[in-house]
Structures are given as C-alpha cells and as structure tokens.
Amino acid sequence: MSKAMPMIASLVVAAALVLPTVSQATESDSVRVPYADLNLGSDAGAHALRGRIAYAARIVCDREDSRALALSVPTERCRSKAVDGAEPAFEAAVAAARHGTVTVLESAAIVVSAN
C-alpha cells in the first residue's frame, strides 16, 4: 500500500498539469468550415453550408453555461457576429458556384471567427 501512494500522488499531479492544457487546446477563436463536398450551385448545398457555419459559430462562441441568463445574451451576440462575419465569404462562394467561374479545391473552406 505504501508503494501505491506515491504512484497515485504522481497521477494526480500529472492530471492537474494536463487538464488546463487540454481545455485550452479545445478553445478556439476560429473554425475552418470546409465545403468542397457541397454543390453550392444548389439550394440544398448552400443550405448545408449555412448550417455548418451556424454550427461553427456555436463552437467558437461557446461559454461555460450559455443557458445562464447572464451569459445567454453575450453568447447569442457572439454567434450572430460570427455568422455575419462569414456572410461575405459564403455569398462569394455561392455566387462563384452558381456562375461556374471557379473550381472548388479540396481545401476550400470558410473561416468562422469569434469577435
């Protein structure tokens, strides 16, 4: 039992050092939203990309508990600004697809950022 205590103590210390790094790594101010797999020339493809952008805004504007009234308004404001910020890139991608003026590469993406 006495040999197990130092091992348990070292595991606790290691976990305490790793957890902040993991939580910081998951926080991001921006998310790439790929769309090379979508046909943006169709309404369904454009709608799917809008959904991806909205989901990305939820990720970049994540608050600890956005259900709390004090955080719900700033969270929604952040998400709205993130979606609005991606709108010009969305419109350009859809317009180019509908006019056949561009070839979409596999790496095509829109970046959604928190403001």
Protein backbone atom coordinates (compact mmCIF):
# COMPACT_ATOMS: atom_id res chain seq x y z
CA MET A 1 0.00 0.00 0.00
CA SER A 2 2.86 2.39 0.80
CA LYS A 3 4.25 1.96 -2.76
CA ALA A 4 0.88 2.80 -4.28
CA MET A 5 0.59 6.20 -2.56
CA PRO A 6 3.49 7.86 -4.46
CA MET A 7 2.11 6.47 -7.72
CA ILE A 8 -1.36 7.82 -7.02
CA ALA A 9 0.08 11.17 -5.98
CA SER A 10 2.10 11.42 -9.20
CA LEU A 11 -1.00 10.61 -11.26
CA VAL A 12 -2.97 13.34 -9.51
CA VAL A 13 -0.20 15.88 -10.15
CA ALA A 14 0.09 14.82 -13.80
CA ALA A 15 -3.67 15.14 -14.28
CA ALA A 16 -3.63 18.60 -12.72
CA LEU A 17 -0.95 19.69 -15.18
CA VAL A 18 -2.60 18.17 -18.26
CA LEU A 19 -6.23 19.25 -17.74
CA PRO A 20 -5.64 23.01 -18.20
CA THR A 21 -3.68 22.29 -21.39
CA VAL A 22 -6.47 20.13 -22.82
CA SER A 23 -9.18 22.67 -22.02
CA GLN A 24 -7.13 25.49 -23.51
CA ALA A 25 -6.46 23.42 -26.62
CA THR A 26 -10.18 22.97 -27.25
CA GLU A 27 -10.87 26.69 -27.01
CA SER A 28 -10.58 28.41 -30.36
CA ASP A 29 -11.29 31.83 -31.78
CA SER A 30 -11.93 30.44 -35.24
CA VAL A 31 -13.05 27.28 -37.03
CA ARG A 32 -12.49 26.25 -40.64
CA VAL A 33 -15.72 25.21 -42.34
CA PRO A 34 -14.95 23.03 -45.38
CA TYR A 35 -17.37 22.98 -48.29
CA ALA A 36 -15.58 21.20 -51.13
CA ASP A 37 -18.00 18.29 -50.75
CA LEU A 38 -21.06 20.52 -51.28
CA ASN A 39 -22.69 21.63 -54.52
CA LEU A 40 -23.10 25.32 -53.72
CA GLY A 41 -24.87 25.77 -57.03
CA SER A 42 -27.90 24.07 -55.48
CA ASP A 43 -30.16 25.42 -52.74
CA ALA A 44 -29.53 22.26 -50.71
CA GLY A 45 -25.75 22.74 -50.85
CA ALA A 46 -26.00 26.41 -49.86
CA HIS A 47 -28.38 25.49 -47.02
CA ALA A 48 -25.96 22.82 -45.79
CA LEU A 49 -23.10 25.32 -45.76
CA ARG A 50 -25.23 27.80 -43.78
CA GLY A 51 -25.85 25.02 -41.25
CA ARG A 52 -22.14 24.31 -40.98
CA ILE A 53 -21.40 28.00 -40.45
CA ALA A 54 -24.04 28.21 -37.70
CA TYR A 55 -22.58 25.12 -36.02
CA ALA A 56 -19.07 26.62 -36.22
CA ALA A 57 -20.39 29.81 -34.60
CA ARG A 58 -21.71 27.69 -31.72
CA ILE A 59 -18.24 26.21 -31.30
CA VAL A 60 -16.26 29.47 -31.36
CA CYS A 61 -18.77 31.24 -29.12
CA ASP A 62 -19.06 28.51 -26.52
CA ARG A 63 -19.48 29.75 -22.98
CA GLU A 64 -19.26 27.64 -19.84
CA ASP A 65 -23.03 27.64 -19.38
CA SER A 66 -24.72 29.70 -22.06
CA ARG A 67 -28.09 28.66 -20.60
CA ALA A 68 -27.44 31.02 -17.69
CA LEU A 69 -29.29 34.26 -18.36
CA ALA A 70 -26.20 36.39 -17.76
CA LEU A 71 -24.31 34.52 -20.48
CA SER A 72 -27.12 33.87 -22.95
CA VAL A 73 -27.21 37.38 -24.44
CA PRO A 74 -23.43 37.71 -24.96
CA THR A 75 -23.30 34.16 -26.34
CA GLU A 76 -26.05 34.82 -28.87
CA ARG A 77 -24.46 38.16 -29.81
CA CYS A 78 -21.12 36.43 -30.40
CA ARG A 79 -22.76 33.74 -32.52
CA SER A 80 -24.65 36.30 -34.58
CA LYS A 81 -21.47 38.32 -35.21
CA ALA A 82 -19.57 35.16 -36.17
CA VAL A 83 -22.25 34.18 -38.71
CA ASP A 84 -22.42 37.75 -40.05
CA GLY A 85 -18.63 37.83 -40.37
CA ALA A 86 -18.70 34.69 -42.52
CA GLU A 87 -21.52 36.00 -44.74
CA PRO A 88 -19.32 37.73 -47.37
CA ALA A 89 -17.26 34.56 -47.88
CA PHE A 90 -20.46 32.49 -48.03
CA GLU A 91 -22.03 34.80 -50.62
CA ALA A 92 -18.86 34.82 -52.73
CA ALA A 93 -18.57 31.02 -52.66
CA VAL A 94 -22.23 30.53 -53.62
CA ALA A 95 -22.08 33.18 -56.37
CA ALA A 96 -18.96 31.64 -57.86
CA ALA A 97 -20.51 28.17 -57.80
CA ARG A 98 -23.73 29.36 -59.43
CA HIS A 99 -21.88 31.21 -62.17
CA GLY A 100 -19.40 28.42 -62.78
CA THR A 101 -16.49 30.85 -62.50
CA VAL A 102 -14.35 28.88 -60.08
CA THR A 103 -13.10 25.37 -59.49
CA VAL A 104 -13.55 24.36 -55.86
CA LEU A 105 -10.44 22.75 -54.41
CA GLU A 106 -10.49 20.06 -51.74
CA SER A 107 -9.15 22.58 -49.24
CA ALA A 108 -11.98 25.09 -49.84
CA ALA A 109 -13.24 26.44 -46.53
CA ILE A 110 -14.75 29.46 -44.84
CA VAL A 111 -13.26 30.59 -41.55
CA VAL A 112 -15.79 31.43 -38.83
CA SER A 113 -14.31 33.60 -36.08
CA ALA A 114 -15.47 34.89 -32.72
CA ASN A 115 -15.22 38.65 -32.44
